[in-house]
Amino acid sequence: METSERVTVRWWRWRHNALKRRIDVVEAWVVLAGWVFALLGGVGAGLMAAGAVERAVERQRAESRQVSAVTVEDAPGPSPARAASDHRVWAEVRWAEPDGSTHTDDARVPPRTPARSTIPVWVNRSGDITTPPVSEGEAWLHTTMGGGLAGALAGGVVLGAAWLTRLTLDRRRMAQWDAEWERIDTRRGWKTG
């Protein structure tokens, strides 16, 4: 029983070869450029996206501050429909700004919070209640995930373009081979396929 070995010749498109065509060299350069640009573009896009997310987090932290608010009325009890939520209810609260002006708005508070209870709320520059800024761990996660996804997407787009280019080159190579086989067949007067 005979066994056949498959020999893989690496870098054959870069070596001198009588059977190598110009399209093979072009394909080799497309593959090399695709991987280099995918790597560099992915890293660049990832770093830019991570920087943008980091700046957004810093802007959110700079534009919000925590103030002490006082509940205006007793907060209602928990709603049975919201049993799976964070167990907070809406209640009217009031707080004073540094300039002496007073604001009143609805905020999420623990259920059954009595009136005149002090609770912390986050407000933005215009004095509206906002969500608390993200924690250090959340900021790291957002930055890492945003940068990683942007890098993977940019690299994937470049590799996809390189793959489509290779596909086009491969079709062109097959058309060239078909044309050459046709010339060889007709010159001898017979058909091989």
Protein backbone atom coordinates (compact mmCIF):
# COMPACT_ATOMS: atom_id res chain seq x y z
CA MET A 1 0.00 0.00 0.00
CA GLU A 2 1.49 3.30 -1.06
CA THR A 3 1.13 6.46 0.90
CA SER A 4 1.36 9.83 -0.69
CA GLU A 5 2.99 12.75 0.98
CA ARG A 6 1.88 16.24 0.41
CA VAL A 7 4.74 18.64 0.23
CA THR A 8 4.02 22.21 1.17
CA VAL A 9 6.35 24.73 -0.31
CA ARG A 10 6.17 27.86 1.76
CA TRP A 11 6.68 31.29 0.27
CA TRP A 12 6.53 29.90 -3.29
CA ARG A 13 5.07 33.12 -4.61
CA TRP A 14 8.17 34.99 -3.46
CA ARG A 15 10.73 32.61 -4.97
CA HIS A 16 11.90 32.40 -8.55
CA ASN A 17 9.70 29.89 -10.32
CA ALA A 18 9.17 29.29 -14.02
CA LEU A 19 5.47 28.62 -13.46
CA LYS A 20 4.91 31.73 -11.40
CA ARG A 21 2.88 34.42 -13.10
CA ARG A 22 2.55 38.10 -12.44
CA ILE A 23 -0.87 37.54 -10.90
CA ASP A 24 0.72 35.20 -8.32
CA VAL A 25 3.09 37.96 -7.24
CA VAL A 26 0.23 40.45 -7.06
CA GLU A 27 -1.72 38.01 -4.90
CA ALA A 28 1.26 37.57 -2.58
CA TRP A 29 1.52 41.34 -2.15
CA VAL A 30 -2.24 41.62 -1.55
CA VAL A 31 -2.06 38.99 1.20
CA LEU A 32 0.95 40.63 2.83
CA ALA A 33 -0.53 44.13 2.62
CA GLY A 34 -3.89 42.86 3.88
CA TRP A 35 -2.39 41.36 7.03
CA VAL A 36 -0.13 44.35 7.70
CA PHE A 37 -2.92 46.89 7.20
CA ALA A 38 -5.37 44.76 9.20
CA LEU A 39 -2.95 44.63 12.10
CA LEU A 40 -1.98 48.29 11.98
CA GLY A 41 -5.49 49.50 11.21
CA GLY A 42 -7.01 47.31 13.90
CA VAL A 43 -4.57 48.53 16.54
CA GLY A 44 -5.02 52.15 15.44
CA ALA A 45 -8.82 51.95 15.39
CA GLY A 46 -8.85 50.17 18.74
CA LEU A 47 -6.66 52.82 20.36
CA MET A 48 -8.75 55.64 18.90
CA ALA A 49 -12.01 54.05 20.06
CA ALA A 50 -10.61 53.36 23.52
CA GLY A 51 -9.48 56.99 23.75
CA ALA A 52 -12.90 58.24 22.67
CA VAL A 53 -14.64 56.09 25.29
CA GLU A 54 -12.19 57.24 27.95
CA ARG A 55 -12.80 60.90 27.06
CA ALA A 56 -16.58 60.34 27.20
CA VAL A 57 -16.27 58.81 30.66
CA GLU A 58 -14.11 61.71 31.86
CA ARG A 59 -16.59 64.22 30.38
CA GLN A 60 -19.47 62.47 32.15
CA ARG A 61 -17.57 62.61 35.44
CA ALA A 62 -16.70 66.28 34.95
CA GLU A 63 -20.26 67.28 34.08
CA SER A 64 -22.00 65.55 36.98
CA ARG A 65 -21.79 65.99 40.71
CA GLN A 66 -23.44 64.46 43.72
CA VAL A 67 -25.70 66.58 45.91
CA SER A 68 -27.76 65.87 48.98
CA ALA A 69 -31.48 65.99 48.31
CA VAL A 70 -34.41 65.83 50.71
CA THR A 71 -37.56 63.87 49.97
CA VAL A 72 -40.60 66.15 49.79
CA GLU A 73 -43.14 63.43 50.64
CA ASP A 74 -43.19 59.83 51.80
CA ALA A 75 -42.08 57.44 49.06
CA PRO A 76 -44.57 54.74 48.05
CA GLY A 77 -44.01 51.07 48.72
CA PRO A 78 -42.55 48.71 46.12
CA SER A 79 -44.69 47.88 43.11
CA PRO A 80 -45.46 44.16 42.66
CA ALA A 81 -44.87 44.56 38.91
CA ARG A 82 -41.33 45.76 39.58
CA ALA A 83 -40.35 42.90 41.88
CA ALA A 84 -37.41 41.93 39.65
CA SER A 85 -36.04 45.49 39.35
CA ASP A 86 -33.67 47.32 41.67
CA HIS A 87 -36.51 47.84 44.20
CA ARG A 88 -36.45 51.62 43.92
CA VAL A 89 -39.47 53.86 43.46
CA TRP A 90 -39.98 57.38 42.16
CA ALA A 91 -40.38 60.18 44.70
CA GLU A 92 -40.18 63.96 44.62
CA VAL A 93 -36.94 65.39 46.02
CA ARG A 94 -35.59 68.91 46.54
CA TRP A 95 -32.01 70.15 46.66
CA ALA A 96 -30.19 73.45 46.79
CA GLU A 97 -27.60 74.58 44.27
CA PRO A 98 -24.38 76.35 45.35
CA ASP A 99 -25.81 79.62 44.05
CA GLY A 100 -28.74 79.29 46.48
CA SER A 101 -31.43 78.28 43.98
CA THR A 102 -33.68 75.36 44.84
CA HIS A 103 -34.59 72.54 42.43
CA THR A 104 -37.33 69.96 42.67
CA ASP A 105 -37.52 66.81 40.56
CA ASP A 106 -38.42 63.12 40.72
CA ALA A 107 -35.67 60.69 41.67
CA ARG A 108 -35.36 56.99 42.35
CA VAL A 109 -35.33 56.34 46.10
CA PRO A 110 -35.68 53.25 48.31
CA PRO A 111 -39.33 52.23 48.89
CA ARG A 112 -41.15 53.80 51.87
CA THR A 113 -38.51 56.49 52.39
CA PRO A 114 -40.07 58.97 54.85
CA ALA A 115 -40.46 62.65 53.99
CA ARG A 116 -37.52 64.95 54.84
CA SER A 117 -35.03 62.06 54.46
CA THR A 118 -31.66 62.99 52.94
CA ILE A 119 -30.59 60.98 49.91
CA PRO A 120 -27.71 61.49 47.49
CA VAL A 121 -28.57 62.29 43.85
CA TRP A 122 -26.40 63.06 40.84
CA VAL A 123 -27.07 66.22 38.85
CA ASN A 124 -25.56 67.55 35.64
CA ARG A 125 -24.34 71.09 34.92
CA SER A 126 -27.83 72.35 34.12
CA GLY A 127 -29.14 71.05 37.44
CA ASP A 128 -31.11 68.07 36.10
CA ILE A 129 -30.97 64.69 37.81
CA THR A 130 -28.79 62.26 35.89
CA THR A 131 -27.37 58.80 36.32
CA PRO A 132 -24.24 58.39 38.43
CA PRO A 133 -20.98 58.31 36.47
CA VAL A 134 -19.56 54.90 35.68
CA SER A 135 -17.21 53.32 38.19
CA GLU A 136 -13.53 52.63 37.51
CA GLY A 137 -14.31 48.99 36.70
CA GLU A 138 -17.15 49.91 34.35
CA ALA A 139 -14.97 52.54 32.67
CA TRP A 140 -12.20 49.97 32.14
CA LEU A 141 -14.71 47.47 30.73
CA HIS A 142 -16.26 50.03 28.35
CA THR A 143 -12.84 51.21 27.20
CA THR A 144 -11.51 47.69 26.68
CA MET A 145 -14.60 46.40 24.92
CA GLY A 146 -14.99 49.51 22.75
CA GLY A 147 -11.34 49.43 21.69
CA GLY A 148 -11.35 45.67 21.13
CA LEU A 149 -14.52 45.68 19.05
CA ALA A 150 -13.42 48.67 16.97
CA GLY A 151 -10.03 47.04 16.35
CA ALA A 152 -11.57 43.72 15.39
CA LEU A 153 -14.07 45.42 13.08
CA ALA A 154 -11.40 47.52 11.36
CA GLY A 155 -9.10 44.51 10.94
CA GLY A 156 -11.99 42.41 9.69
CA VAL A 157 -12.95 44.98 7.08
CA VAL A 158 -9.38 45.10 5.76
CA LEU A 159 -9.07 41.30 5.70
CA GLY A 160 -12.48 41.07 3.98
CA ALA A 161 -11.31 43.48 1.30
CA ALA A 162 -8.10 41.49 0.86
CA TRP A 163 -10.12 38.27 0.58
CA LEU A 164 -12.38 39.79 -2.09
CA THR A 165 -9.32 40.99 -3.98
CA ARG A 166 -7.81 37.51 -3.83
CA LEU A 167 -11.08 36.04 -5.03
CA THR A 168 -11.04 38.39 -8.03
CA LEU A 169 -7.41 37.55 -8.75
CA ASP A 170 -8.17 33.84 -8.50
CA ARG A 171 -10.99 34.14 -11.01
CA ARG A 172 -8.72 36.09 -13.33
CA ARG A 173 -6.01 33.41 -12.99
CA MET A 174 -8.52 30.67 -13.86
CA ALA A 175 -9.66 32.64 -16.90
CA GLN A 176 -6.03 33.00 -18.02
CA TRP A 177 -5.46 29.25 -17.61
CA ASP A 178 -8.63 28.48 -19.58
CA ALA A 179 -7.47 30.77 -22.38
CA GLU A 180 -4.02 29.15 -22.48
CA TRP A 181 -5.45 25.64 -22.49
CA GLU A 182 -7.74 26.67 -25.33
CA ARG A 183 -4.75 27.96 -27.33
CA ILE A 184 -2.78 24.76 -26.70
CA ASP A 185 -5.73 22.54 -27.66
CA THR A 186 -6.55 24.35 -30.89
CA ARG A 187 -2.91 24.55 -31.98
CA ARG A 188 -2.65 20.77 -31.89
CA GLY A 189 -6.08 20.19 -33.35
CA TRP A 190 -7.61 18.28 -30.48
CA LYS A 191 -9.42 19.02 -27.22
CA THR A 192 -8.27 17.88 -23.79
CA GLY A 193 -11.38 18.65 -21.89
